Every structure is written in C-alpha cells, then in structure tokens.
C-alpha atoms as a PDB file:
ATOM      1  CA  MET A   1     -52.484 100.450  19.621  1.00  0.00           C
ATOM      2  CA  ALA A   2     -50.078 100.084  22.511  1.00  0.00           C
ATOM      3  CA  ASP A   3     -47.530 102.803  22.742  1.00  0.00           C
ATOM      4  CA  ALA A   4     -45.970 102.415  26.220  1.00  0.00           C
ATOM      5  CA  GLY A   5     -42.535 101.924  24.702  1.00  0.00           C
ATOM      6  CA  GLY A   6     -42.738  98.213  24.188  1.00  0.00           C
ATOM      7  CA  SER A   7     -43.091  96.212  20.993  1.00  0.00           C
ATOM      8  CA  THR A   8     -46.550  95.631  19.517  1.00  0.00           C
ATOM      9  CA  ILE A   9     -45.595  92.334  17.851  1.00  0.00           C
ATOM     10  CA  ILE A  10     -44.512  89.704  20.391  1.00  0.00           C
ATOM     11  CA  PRO A  11     -43.351  86.207  19.274  1.00  0.00           C
ATOM     12  CA  CYS A  12     -44.871  83.311  21.312  1.00  0.00           C
ATOM     13  CA  LEU A  13     -43.032  80.069  21.629  1.00  0.00           C
ATOM     14  CA  ARG A  14     -43.865  76.765  23.255  1.00  0.00           C
ATOM     15  CA  TYR A  15     -41.409  74.544  25.116  1.00  0.00           C
ATOM     16  CA  ARG A  16     -41.572  71.061  26.575  1.00  0.00           C
ATOM     17  CA  ASP A  17     -39.555  72.327  29.491  1.00  0.00           C
ATOM     18  CA  PRO A  18     -40.418  75.967  29.848  1.00  0.00           C
ATOM     19  CA  HIS A  19     -38.557  76.403  33.233  1.00  0.00           C
ATOM     20  CA  ALA A  20     -35.315  75.220  31.542  1.00  0.00           C
ATOM     21  CA  ALA A  21     -36.083  77.367  28.469  1.00  0.00           C
ATOM     22  CA  ILE A  22     -36.555  80.457  30.590  1.00  0.00           C
ATOM     23  CA  ASP A  23     -33.252  79.854  32.421  1.00  0.00           C
ATOM     24  CA  TRP A  24     -31.369  79.208  29.155  1.00  0.00           C
ATOM     25  CA  LEU A  25     -32.763  82.239  27.301  1.00  0.00           C
ATOM     26  CA  CYS A  26     -31.821  84.490  30.220  1.00  0.00           C
ATOM     27  CA  GLN A  27     -28.297  83.037  30.525  1.00  0.00           C
ATOM     28  CA  ALA A  28     -27.513  82.593  26.774  1.00  0.00           C
ATOM     29  CA  PHE A  29     -29.285  85.623  25.265  1.00  0.00           C
ATOM     30  CA  GLY A  30     -29.621  88.002  28.184  1.00  0.00           C
ATOM     31  CA  PHE A  31     -33.403  88.088  28.475  1.00  0.00           C
ATOM     32  CA  LYS A  32     -34.923  89.241  31.697  1.00  0.00           C
ATOM     33  CA  ARG A  33     -37.903  87.667  33.476  1.00  0.00           C
ATOM     34  CA  HIS A  34     -40.826  90.090  33.226  1.00  0.00           C
ATOM     35  CA  ALA A  35     -43.628  87.831  34.430  1.00  0.00           C
ATOM     36  CA  ILE A  36     -44.037  84.064  34.964  1.00  0.00           C
ATOM     37  CA  TYR A  37     -47.399  82.570  35.738  1.00  0.00           C
ATOM     38  CA  GLU A  38     -47.518  78.954  37.014  1.00  0.00           C
ATOM     39  CA  ASN A  39     -50.493  76.638  37.696  1.00  0.00           C
ATOM     40  CA  ASN A  40     -51.074  74.816  40.986  1.00  0.00           C
ATOM     41  CA  ASN A  41     -48.631  72.057  39.815  1.00  0.00           C
ATOM     42  CA  GLY A  42     -45.790  74.517  39.235  1.00  0.00           C
ATOM     43  CA  GLU A  43     -46.035  74.301  35.436  1.00  0.00           C
ATOM     44  CA  VAL A  44     -45.499  77.481  33.453  1.00  0.00           C
ATOM     45  CA  GLU A  45     -48.790  78.515  31.966  1.00  0.00           C
ATOM     46  CA  HIS A  46     -47.450  81.807  30.538  1.00  0.00           C
ATOM     47  CA  ALA A  47     -44.110  83.718  30.767  1.00  0.00           C
ATOM     48  CA  GLN A  48     -42.943  86.970  29.456  1.00  0.00           C
ATOM     49  CA  LEU A  49     -39.289  87.669  28.891  1.00  0.00           C
ATOM     50  CA  THR A  50     -37.859  91.023  27.868  1.00  0.00           C
ATOM     51  CA  TYR A  51     -34.819  92.167  26.017  1.00  0.00           C
ATOM     52  CA  GLY A  52     -34.548  95.904  25.806  1.00  0.00           C
ATOM     53  CA  ARG A  53     -37.939  97.078  24.609  1.00  0.00           C
ATOM     54  CA  GLY A  54     -38.721  93.745  23.062  1.00  0.00           C
ATOM     55  CA  MET A  55     -40.492  90.728  24.466  1.00  0.00           C
ATOM     56  CA  VAL A  56     -41.140  87.014  23.826  1.00  0.00           C
ATOM     57  CA  MET A  57     -43.840  85.077  25.479  1.00  0.00           C
ATOM     58  CA  LEU A  58     -43.690  81.320  26.135  1.00  0.00           C
ATOM     59  CA  SER A  59     -45.540  78.457  27.718  1.00  0.00           C
ATOM     60  CA  GLY A  60     -45.429  74.694  27.870  1.00  0.00           C
ATOM     61  CA  VAL A  61     -46.481  72.510  24.972  1.00  0.00           C
ATOM     62  CA  HIS A  62     -50.228  71.989  25.222  1.00  0.00           C
ATOM     63  CA  HIS A  63     -52.399  69.830  22.906  1.00  0.00           C
ATOM     64  CA  ASP A  64     -55.360  72.072  23.174  1.00  0.00           C
ATOM     65  CA  ASP A  65     -57.329  73.900  20.381  1.00  0.00           C
ATOM     66  CA  PHE A  66     -54.646  76.494  19.844  1.00  0.00           C
ATOM     67  CA  GLY A  67     -51.710  74.120  20.448  1.00  0.00           C
ATOM     68  CA  ARG A  68     -52.783  71.777  17.665  1.00  0.00           C
ATOM     69  CA  HIS A  69     -51.714  74.511  15.194  1.00  0.00           C
ATOM     70  CA  ILE A  70     -48.180  74.562  16.467  1.00  0.00           C
ATOM     71  CA  ALA A  71     -45.427  71.917  15.817  1.00  0.00           C
ATOM     72  CA  GLN A  72     -42.264  71.686  17.793  1.00  0.00           C
ATOM     73  CA  PRO A  73     -39.072  71.656  15.749  1.00  0.00           C
ATOM     74  CA  ASP A  74     -38.240  68.026  16.693  1.00  0.00           C
ATOM     75  CA  GLU A  75     -41.635  66.999  15.272  1.00  0.00           C
ATOM     76  CA  ILE A  76     -40.843  68.431  11.822  1.00  0.00           C
ATOM     77  CA  GLY A  77     -37.237  67.424  11.189  1.00  0.00           C
ATOM     78  CA  GLY A  78     -35.662  70.279  13.242  1.00  0.00           C
ATOM     79  CA  ARG A  79     -37.134  72.922  10.995  1.00  0.00           C
ATOM     80  CA  GLU A  80     -39.122  76.076  11.763  1.00  0.00           C
ATOM     81  CA  THR A  81     -41.739  78.061   9.890  1.00  0.00           C
ATOM     82  CA  GLN A  82     -40.630  81.350  11.457  1.00  0.00           C
ATOM     83  CA  CYS A  83     -37.742  82.833  13.414  1.00  0.00           C
ATOM     84  CA  ALA A  84     -37.638  85.343  16.234  1.00  0.00           C
ATOM     85  CA  CYS A  85     -35.161  88.189  15.524  1.00  0.00           C
ATOM     86  CA  VAL A  86     -33.462  89.975  18.360  1.00  0.00           C
ATOM     87  CA  THR A  87     -31.606  93.219  17.837  1.00  0.00           C
ATOM     88  CA  VAL A  88     -28.508  93.678  20.062  1.00  0.00           C
ATOM     89  CA  THR A  89     -25.900  96.408  20.364  1.00  0.00           C
ATOM     90  CA  ASP A  90     -22.782  94.186  20.605  1.00  0.00           C
ATOM     91  CA  CYS A  91     -23.439  91.220  18.341  1.00  0.00           C
ATOM     92  CA  ARG A  92     -19.966  89.708  18.696  1.00  0.00           C
ATOM     93  CA  ALA A  93     -20.234  89.566  22.451  1.00  0.00           C
ATOM     94  CA  HIS A  94     -23.722  88.206  22.269  1.00  0.00           C
ATOM     95  CA  TYR A  95     -22.578  85.500  19.802  1.00  0.00           C
ATOM     96  CA  GLU A  96     -19.746  84.436  22.178  1.00  0.00           C
ATOM     97  CA  GLN A  97     -22.112  84.376  25.233  1.00  0.00           C
ATOM     98  CA  ALA A  98     -24.778  82.281  23.359  1.00  0.00           C
ATOM     99  CA  LYS A  99     -22.108  79.905  22.007  1.00  0.00           C
ATOM    100  CA  ALA A 100     -20.614  79.406  25.492  1.00  0.00           C
ATOM    101  CA  ALA A 101     -24.111  78.580  26.802  1.00  0.00           C
ATOM    102  CA  GLY A 102     -24.529  75.811  24.227  1.00  0.00           C
ATOM    103  CA  ALA A 103     -26.446  77.562  21.418  1.00  0.00           C
ATOM    104  CA  VAL A 104     -26.217  75.448  18.244  1.00  0.00           C
ATOM    105  CA  ILE A 105     -24.898  77.879  15.696  1.00  0.00           C
ATOM    106  CA  VAL A 106     -26.664  77.580  12.338  1.00  0.00           C
ATOM    107  CA  ASP A 107     -25.173  80.615  10.550  1.00  0.00           C
ATOM    108  CA  ASP A 108     -21.922  81.823  11.995  1.00  0.00           C
ATOM    109  CA  TYR A 109     -21.344  85.438  13.043  1.00  0.00           C
ATOM    110  CA  ALA A 110     -20.809  87.671   9.954  1.00  0.00           C
ATOM    111  CA  GLU A 111     -20.684  91.355   9.122  1.00  0.00           C
ATOM    112  CA  LYS A 112     -23.570  92.121   6.802  1.00  0.00           C
ATOM    113  CA  ASP A 113     -23.449  94.100   3.536  1.00  0.00           C
ATOM    114  CA  TYR A 114     -26.580  96.062   4.553  1.00  0.00           C
ATOM    115  CA  GLY A 115     -25.055  97.053   7.922  1.00  0.00           C
ATOM    116  CA  GLY A 116     -24.513  95.494  11.284  1.00  0.00           C
ATOM    117  CA  ALA A 117     -23.582  91.916  11.969  1.00  0.00           C
ATOM    118  CA  GLY A 118     -25.624  88.801  12.820  1.00  0.00           C
ATOM    119  CA  TYR A 119     -25.789  85.121  13.382  1.00  0.00           C
ATOM    120  CA  SER A 120     -28.444  82.473  13.796  1.00  0.00           C
ATOM    121  CA  CYS A 121     -28.735  79.532  16.166  1.00  0.00           C
ATOM    122  CA  HIS A 122     -31.018  76.890  17.681  1.00  0.00           C
ATOM    123  CA  ASP A 123     -31.863  76.953  21.324  1.00  0.00           C
ATOM    124  CA  PRO A 124     -31.852  73.658  23.324  1.00  0.00           C
ATOM    125  CA  GLU A 125     -35.369  72.689  22.136  1.00  0.00           C
ATOM    126  CA  GLY A 126     -34.473  73.548  18.454  1.00  0.00           C
ATOM    127  CA  HIS A 127     -36.220  76.913  18.039  1.00  0.00           C
ATOM    128  CA  LEU A 128     -34.458  79.071  15.487  1.00  0.00           C
ATOM    129  CA  TRP A 129     -33.267  82.510  16.524  1.00  0.00           C
ATOM    130  CA  TYR A 130     -31.657  85.330  14.441  1.00  0.00           C
ATOM    131  CA  ILE A 131     -29.520  87.728  16.463  1.00  0.00           C
ATOM    132  CA  GLY A 132     -28.183  90.860  14.820  1.00  0.00           C
ATOM    133  CA  SER A 133     -26.955  94.442  15.446  1.00  0.00           C
ATOM    134  CA  TYR A 134     -28.791  95.970  12.412  1.00  0.00           C
ATOM    135  CA  ASP A 135     -31.560  98.096  13.780  1.00  0.00           C
ATOM    136  CA  PRO A 136     -34.220  98.799  11.081  1.00  0.00           C
ATOM    137  CA  TRP A 137     -35.671 101.560  13.251  1.00  0.00           C
ATOM    138  CA  GLN A 138     -32.562 103.662  13.118  1.00  0.00           C
ATOM    139  CA  PRO A 139     -32.261 106.256  10.297  1.00  0.00           C
ATOM    140  CA  GLU A 140     -29.509 105.471   7.746  1.00  0.00           C
END
C-alpha cells in the first residue's frame, strides 16, 4: 500500500480535449499540474493533477480495449455513473471561483446537516464533480 502522503484511490477521467480540460480544472478548481505526458503528436497520453494530497488522472478519449468500457457524458444523455469528490477548506470561495470559470452548477452551494458545505457541477465536457468542505478523515 502506498503511504507517501497521497491518496491511494485516484479517479481517472477521459476528455476529448485533455489540454483544455487540464487548463480549466486548474483555473476553475485550483488543481496543479503534477505530470503531463504527451505523445509525438502533442496529444495527452496521461496527466496527473493534484489538489492538496489528492489526485486525478486524465487522458484523451481512446477507443481501445480499456476505453470501450467508458462512455463520455454526452454519449449517455449528460449523465455519469460516478462522481469525483474534492474536499476543500473554503467551499464558498471555491464555488464562486468555479462558477466564474463557467462551471455548470447542478446542485447549488449549501450548508450540510452533517457538517461542512458543498455543491456539485459539470465541467465543460459534462463530467460531474462534487466539491465540499466536509472532511471525513477529521475526527468529529
């Protein structure tokens, strides 16, 4: 098991325009570029973006053996079968930043009964994200 301070479960997403997705995720959500690997044509083969101790990985849409198991949101009526969840310290500020960058808000910012606050949105390619300040790792 990895225990270098990073997460051991890392969501992986595919984008039709991974360069634009990387730029948007950094601008709207505050991700940082950790590693970006391109092929000889300048296409993103694999990218790693970090937020705090968390990470997402992404690449372009490929119709290979693995890729045939993944549908893009616009291929299935704008729906998702899972959602990446990002824990932030200032959810209200994060919400305003994402909204200003063009995030499509699905569930508006709200204080939660179980603690913290949160909202959910779609990125420019329709992937669903949940952003919240509730940290399940912190003792109650």
